[in-house]
Amino acid sequence: KMPGMKIGSVSDSTLSTGATLFYFPKGARANYDARGGSVAAVETTLLDESSYDNLVDGILFAGGSTMGLEATQGVRRRIFNSRDAEAGAFDLVPSIPGAVVYDFGGRVEKQQDALIFPNIALGGATYDQAVENRMQVGRVGAGTTTTANKISEPIWGGQGGAFKEI
């Protein structure tokens, strides 16, 4: 069980890319560690120690390289709209840090779209699909067309998860 958290994973209709949301209805404290040669992320400064408050509403991971960062706005809008009149209060503006992976190289099937990326609509769909106590693993959501070992022969990736109760 993962109390207090909902997870939504959505792939686009051509199975070319996708996004995965970790949503915390009551908020959560978070931090990050950015590694790699070409990190693309949004709202990570909110997670810095010097930030006013590193309480986040969710964290979104998406395919589509830098273009996939657009999906965070879809989640942010859904949460903002769900808060009705209070949504504009300073502490209630949704905080959705996000990061992306490069998945264009894994689009090898005929039905896949070489140029599609997670957009506002797909991001909103991750919020709509988020449920408690279930996480899809494998080639779904942000892991739809991910690969590893890009230097030589790429191998299929995907998304996985682990949960430890302390």
C-alpha atoms as a PDB file:
ATOM      1  CA  LYS A   1       0.000   0.000   0.000  1.00  0.00           C
ATOM      2  CA  MET A   2       1.066   3.551  -0.717  1.00  0.00           C
ATOM      3  CA  PRO A   3      -1.177   5.699   1.487  1.00  0.00           C
ATOM      4  CA  GLY A   4      -1.494   9.357   0.586  1.00  0.00           C
ATOM      5  CA  MET A   5      -0.224   8.935  -2.972  1.00  0.00           C
ATOM      6  CA  LYS A   6      -1.898   8.280  -6.298  1.00  0.00           C
ATOM      7  CA  ILE A   7      -0.104   7.188  -9.467  1.00  0.00           C
ATOM      8  CA  GLY A   8      -1.271   7.699 -13.027  1.00  0.00           C
ATOM      9  CA  SER A   9       0.511   6.375 -16.129  1.00  0.00           C
ATOM     10  CA  VAL A  10      -0.706   7.210 -19.604  1.00  0.00           C
ATOM     11  CA  SER A  11       0.712   6.365 -23.042  1.00  0.00           C
ATOM     12  CA  ASP A  12      -0.395   8.177 -26.203  1.00  0.00           C
ATOM     13  CA  SER A  13      -2.681   6.365 -28.659  1.00  0.00           C
ATOM     14  CA  THR A  14       0.208   5.340 -30.973  1.00  0.00           C
ATOM     15  CA  LEU A  15       2.271   3.928 -28.062  1.00  0.00           C
ATOM     16  CA  SER A  16       5.083   6.334 -28.945  1.00  0.00           C
ATOM     17  CA  THR A  17       5.512   8.123 -25.617  1.00  0.00           C
ATOM     18  CA  GLY A  18       3.798   8.777 -22.312  1.00  0.00           C
ATOM     19  CA  ALA A  19       3.908  10.261 -18.831  1.00  0.00           C
ATOM     20  CA  THR A  20       3.687   9.076 -15.242  1.00  0.00           C
ATOM     21  CA  LEU A  21       2.408  11.172 -12.343  1.00  0.00           C
ATOM     22  CA  PHE A  22       3.016  10.669  -8.637  1.00  0.00           C
ATOM     23  CA  TYR A  23       0.245  12.763  -7.049  1.00  0.00           C
ATOM     24  CA  PHE A  24       0.104  13.660  -3.354  1.00  0.00           C
ATOM     25  CA  PRO A  25      -3.407  14.993  -2.531  1.00  0.00           C
ATOM     26  CA  LYS A  26      -2.199  16.315   0.840  1.00  0.00           C
ATOM     27  CA  GLY A  27       1.203  17.434  -0.454  1.00  0.00           C
ATOM     28  CA  ALA A  28       4.617  15.908   0.158  1.00  0.00           C
ATOM     29  CA  ARG A  29       8.112  17.128   0.873  1.00  0.00           C
ATOM     30  CA  ALA A  30      10.529  16.276  -1.895  1.00  0.00           C
ATOM     31  CA  ASN A  31      14.106  16.687  -3.019  1.00  0.00           C
ATOM     32  CA  TYR A  32      15.946  15.783  -6.201  1.00  0.00           C
ATOM     33  CA  ASP A  33      19.260  14.713  -7.641  1.00  0.00           C
ATOM     34  CA  ALA A  34      19.861  15.624 -11.284  1.00  0.00           C
ATOM     35  CA  ARG A  35      22.446  13.521 -13.104  1.00  0.00           C
ATOM     36  CA  GLY A  36      23.362  12.966 -16.711  1.00  0.00           C
ATOM     37  CA  GLY A  37      24.710  14.933 -19.608  1.00  0.00           C
ATOM     38  CA  SER A  38      21.528  16.694 -20.665  1.00  0.00           C
ATOM     39  CA  VAL A  39      19.039  17.073 -17.807  1.00  0.00           C
ATOM     40  CA  ALA A  40      15.668  18.608 -18.724  1.00  0.00           C
ATOM     41  CA  ALA A  41      13.434  19.436 -15.770  1.00  0.00           C
ATOM     42  CA  VAL A  42      10.935  22.039 -14.567  1.00  0.00           C
ATOM     43  CA  GLU A  43      10.231  23.557 -11.123  1.00  0.00           C
ATOM     44  CA  THR A  44      13.208  21.841  -9.489  1.00  0.00           C
ATOM     45  CA  THR A  45      14.264  25.113  -7.818  1.00  0.00           C
ATOM     46  CA  LEU A  46      11.174  24.686  -5.613  1.00  0.00           C
ATOM     47  CA  LEU A  47      12.914  21.636  -4.164  1.00  0.00           C
ATOM     48  CA  ASP A  48      16.114  23.454  -3.196  1.00  0.00           C
ATOM     49  CA  GLU A  49      16.916  23.911   0.490  1.00  0.00           C
ATOM     50  CA  SER A  50      16.634  27.687   0.126  1.00  0.00           C
ATOM     51  CA  SER A  51      13.101  27.471  -1.303  1.00  0.00           C
ATOM     52  CA  TYR A  52      10.196  29.018   0.603  1.00  0.00           C
ATOM     53  CA  ASP A  53       8.564  25.624   1.007  1.00  0.00           C
ATOM     54  CA  ASN A  54       9.473  22.419  -0.816  1.00  0.00           C
ATOM     55  CA  LEU A  55       5.996  20.959  -0.441  1.00  0.00           C
ATOM     56  CA  VAL A  56       4.826  19.576  -3.801  1.00  0.00           C
ATOM     57  CA  ASP A  57       1.475  18.384  -5.120  1.00  0.00           C
ATOM     58  CA  GLY A  58       2.992  15.882  -7.509  1.00  0.00           C
ATOM     59  CA  ILE A  59       5.966  14.860  -9.596  1.00  0.00           C
ATOM     60  CA  LEU A  60       5.631  14.096 -13.287  1.00  0.00           C
ATOM     61  CA  PHE A  61       7.987  12.077 -15.453  1.00  0.00           C
ATOM     62  CA  ALA A  62       7.474  12.147 -19.215  1.00  0.00           C
ATOM     63  CA  GLY A  63       8.956  11.066 -22.513  1.00  0.00           C
ATOM     64  CA  GLY A  64       9.494  13.453 -25.409  1.00  0.00           C
ATOM     65  CA  SER A  65      12.741  14.969 -24.186  1.00  0.00           C
ATOM     66  CA  THR A  66      12.471  18.694 -23.412  1.00  0.00           C
ATOM     67  CA  MET A  67       9.200  18.961 -25.348  1.00  0.00           C
ATOM     68  CA  GLY A  68       7.559  16.608 -22.828  1.00  0.00           C
ATOM     69  CA  LEU A  69       7.905  19.181 -20.052  1.00  0.00           C
ATOM     70  CA  GLU A  70       4.648  20.635 -21.408  1.00  0.00           C
ATOM     71  CA  ALA A  71       2.769  17.757 -19.760  1.00  0.00           C
ATOM     72  CA  THR A  72       3.399  19.207 -16.285  1.00  0.00           C
ATOM     73  CA  GLN A  73       1.136  22.129 -17.196  1.00  0.00           C
ATOM     74  CA  GLY A  74      -1.747  19.729 -17.843  1.00  0.00           C
ATOM     75  CA  VAL A  75      -1.465  18.314 -14.322  1.00  0.00           C
ATOM     76  CA  ARG A  76      -1.054  21.790 -12.837  1.00  0.00           C
ATOM     77  CA  ARG A  77      -4.241  23.004 -14.573  1.00  0.00           C
ATOM     78  CA  ARG A  78      -6.297  20.013 -13.376  1.00  0.00           C
ATOM     79  CA  ILE A  79      -5.239  20.566  -9.760  1.00  0.00           C
ATOM     80  CA  PHE A  80      -5.720  24.337 -10.026  1.00  0.00           C
ATOM     81  CA  ASN A  81      -9.247  23.868 -11.390  1.00  0.00           C
ATOM     82  CA  SER A  82     -10.102  21.335  -8.675  1.00  0.00           C
ATOM     83  CA  ARG A  83      -9.348  23.901  -5.969  1.00  0.00           C
ATOM     84  CA  ASP A  84     -12.087  26.287  -7.129  1.00  0.00           C
ATOM     85  CA  ALA A  85     -11.938  29.768  -5.610  1.00  0.00           C
ATOM     86  CA  GLU A  86      -8.977  29.000  -3.350  1.00  0.00           C
ATOM     87  CA  ALA A  87      -6.671  27.977  -6.199  1.00  0.00           C
ATOM     88  CA  GLY A  88      -5.211  31.480  -6.627  1.00  0.00           C
ATOM     89  CA  ALA A  89      -4.042  31.755  -3.008  1.00  0.00           C
ATOM     90  CA  PHE A  90      -0.249  31.757  -2.826  1.00  0.00           C
ATOM     91  CA  ASP A  91       0.137  28.445  -1.027  1.00  0.00           C
ATOM     92  CA  LEU A  92      -2.484  26.721  -3.200  1.00  0.00           C
ATOM     93  CA  VAL A  93      -0.904  27.319  -6.625  1.00  0.00           C
ATOM     94  CA  PRO A  94      -0.032  23.745  -7.684  1.00  0.00           C
ATOM     95  CA  SER A  95       3.595  22.696  -7.561  1.00  0.00           C
ATOM     96  CA  ILE A  96       4.396  19.967 -10.101  1.00  0.00           C
ATOM     97  CA  PRO A  97       8.121  19.475 -10.634  1.00  0.00           C
ATOM     98  CA  GLY A  98       8.820  17.340 -13.665  1.00  0.00           C
ATOM     99  CA  ALA A  99      11.606  15.674 -15.579  1.00  0.00           C
ATOM    100  CA  VAL A 100      11.807  13.993 -18.943  1.00  0.00           C
ATOM    101  CA  VAL A 101      13.598  11.190 -20.735  1.00  0.00           C
ATOM    102  CA  TYR A 102      14.725  10.972 -24.325  1.00  0.00           C
ATOM    103  CA  ASP A 103      12.491   8.331 -25.905  1.00  0.00           C
ATOM    104  CA  PHE A 104      12.494   9.271 -29.588  1.00  0.00           C
ATOM    105  CA  GLY A 105      15.043   6.554 -30.402  1.00  0.00           C
ATOM    106  CA  GLY A 106      12.732   3.782 -29.165  1.00  0.00           C
ATOM    107  CA  ARG A 107       9.959   4.507 -31.648  1.00  0.00           C
ATOM    108  CA  VAL A 108      10.564   1.701 -34.106  1.00  0.00           C
ATOM    109  CA  GLU A 109       7.078   0.291 -34.755  1.00  0.00           C
ATOM    110  CA  LYS A 110       5.091   1.369 -37.857  1.00  0.00           C
ATOM    111  CA  GLN A 111       2.176   2.845 -35.877  1.00  0.00           C
ATOM    112  CA  GLN A 112       4.447   5.030 -33.744  1.00  0.00           C
ATOM    113  CA  ASP A 113       4.737   8.779 -34.283  1.00  0.00           C
ATOM    114  CA  ALA A 114       8.332   9.977 -34.526  1.00  0.00           C
ATOM    115  CA  LEU A 115       7.466  13.557 -33.527  1.00  0.00           C
ATOM    116  CA  ILE A 116       4.752  13.289 -30.862  1.00  0.00           C
ATOM    117  CA  PHE A 117       5.508  14.264 -27.265  1.00  0.00           C
ATOM    118  CA  PRO A 118       3.556  14.374 -23.996  1.00  0.00           C
ATOM    119  CA  ASN A 119       1.482  17.564 -24.104  1.00  0.00           C
ATOM    120  CA  ILE A 120      -0.960  19.394 -21.828  1.00  0.00           C
ATOM    121  CA  ALA A 121      -3.808  16.967 -22.618  1.00  0.00           C
ATOM    122  CA  LEU A 122      -1.707  13.872 -21.898  1.00  0.00           C
ATOM    123  CA  GLY A 123      -0.475  15.438 -18.642  1.00  0.00           C
ATOM    124  CA  GLY A 124      -4.061  16.120 -17.592  1.00  0.00           C
ATOM    125  CA  ALA A 125      -4.931  12.509 -18.383  1.00  0.00           C
ATOM    126  CA  THR A 126      -2.287  11.278 -15.905  1.00  0.00           C
ATOM    127  CA  TYR A 127      -4.116  13.224 -13.185  1.00  0.00           C
ATOM    128  CA  ASP A 128      -7.480  11.814 -14.302  1.00  0.00           C
ATOM    129  CA  GLN A 129      -6.122   8.229 -14.283  1.00  0.00           C
ATOM    130  CA  ALA A 130      -4.245   8.450 -10.959  1.00  0.00           C
ATOM    131  CA  VAL A 131      -5.275   5.822  -8.409  1.00  0.00           C
ATOM    132  CA  GLU A 132      -4.056   4.667  -5.006  1.00  0.00           C
ATOM    133  CA  ASN A 133      -2.152   1.445  -4.382  1.00  0.00           C
ATOM    134  CA  ARG A 134      -1.395   0.582  -7.998  1.00  0.00           C
ATOM    135  CA  MET A 135       1.511   1.352 -10.287  1.00  0.00           C
ATOM    136  CA  GLN A 136       1.842   0.104 -13.825  1.00  0.00           C
ATOM    137  CA  VAL A 137       5.307  -1.231 -14.658  1.00  0.00           C
ATOM    138  CA  GLY A 138       7.020  -1.991 -17.932  1.00  0.00           C
ATOM    139  CA  ARG A 139       6.606  -0.160 -21.233  1.00  0.00           C
ATOM    140  CA  VAL A 140       3.849   2.224 -20.093  1.00  0.00           C
ATOM    141  CA  GLY A 141       3.644   5.897 -19.125  1.00  0.00           C
ATOM    142  CA  ALA A 142       7.018   7.628 -19.094  1.00  0.00           C
ATOM    143  CA  GLY A 143       8.652   4.284 -19.934  1.00  0.00           C
ATOM    144  CA  THR A 144       6.631   3.565 -23.093  1.00  0.00           C
ATOM    145  CA  THR A 145       9.548   3.678 -25.560  1.00  0.00           C
ATOM    146  CA  THR A 146      12.567   4.151 -23.320  1.00  0.00           C
ATOM    147  CA  THR A 147      15.789   2.337 -24.078  1.00  0.00           C
ATOM    148  CA  ALA A 148      19.078   1.850 -22.265  1.00  0.00           C
ATOM    149  CA  ASN A 149      22.618   1.296 -23.559  1.00  0.00           C
ATOM    150  CA  LYS A 150      22.340   3.934 -26.291  1.00  0.00           C
ATOM    151  CA  ILE A 151      26.103   3.868 -26.974  1.00  0.00           C
ATOM    152  CA  SER A 152      26.049   0.403 -28.543  1.00  0.00           C
ATOM    153  CA  GLU A 153      23.002  -1.857 -29.054  1.00  0.00           C
ATOM    154  CA  PRO A 154      19.961  -0.287 -27.318  1.00  0.00           C
ATOM    155  CA  ILE A 155      17.815  -2.515 -25.140  1.00  0.00           C
ATOM    156  CA  TRP A 156      14.214  -1.887 -24.072  1.00  0.00           C
ATOM    157  CA  GLY A 157      13.659  -0.063 -20.825  1.00  0.00           C
ATOM    158  CA  GLY A 158      10.373   0.822 -19.188  1.00  0.00           C
ATOM    159  CA  GLN A 159       9.309   1.996 -15.767  1.00  0.00           C
ATOM    160  CA  GLY A 160       9.471   0.171 -12.495  1.00  0.00           C
ATOM    161  CA  GLY A 161       8.798   0.947  -8.886  1.00  0.00           C
ATOM    162  CA  ALA A 162       9.583  -0.070  -5.357  1.00  0.00           C
ATOM    163  CA  PHE A 163       7.963   0.833  -2.067  1.00  0.00           C
ATOM    164  CA  LYS A 164       9.403   0.519   1.408  1.00  0.00           C
ATOM    165  CA  GLU A 165       7.450   1.289   4.532  1.00  0.00           C
ATOM    166  CA  ILE A 166       9.522   2.840   7.311  1.00  0.00           C
END
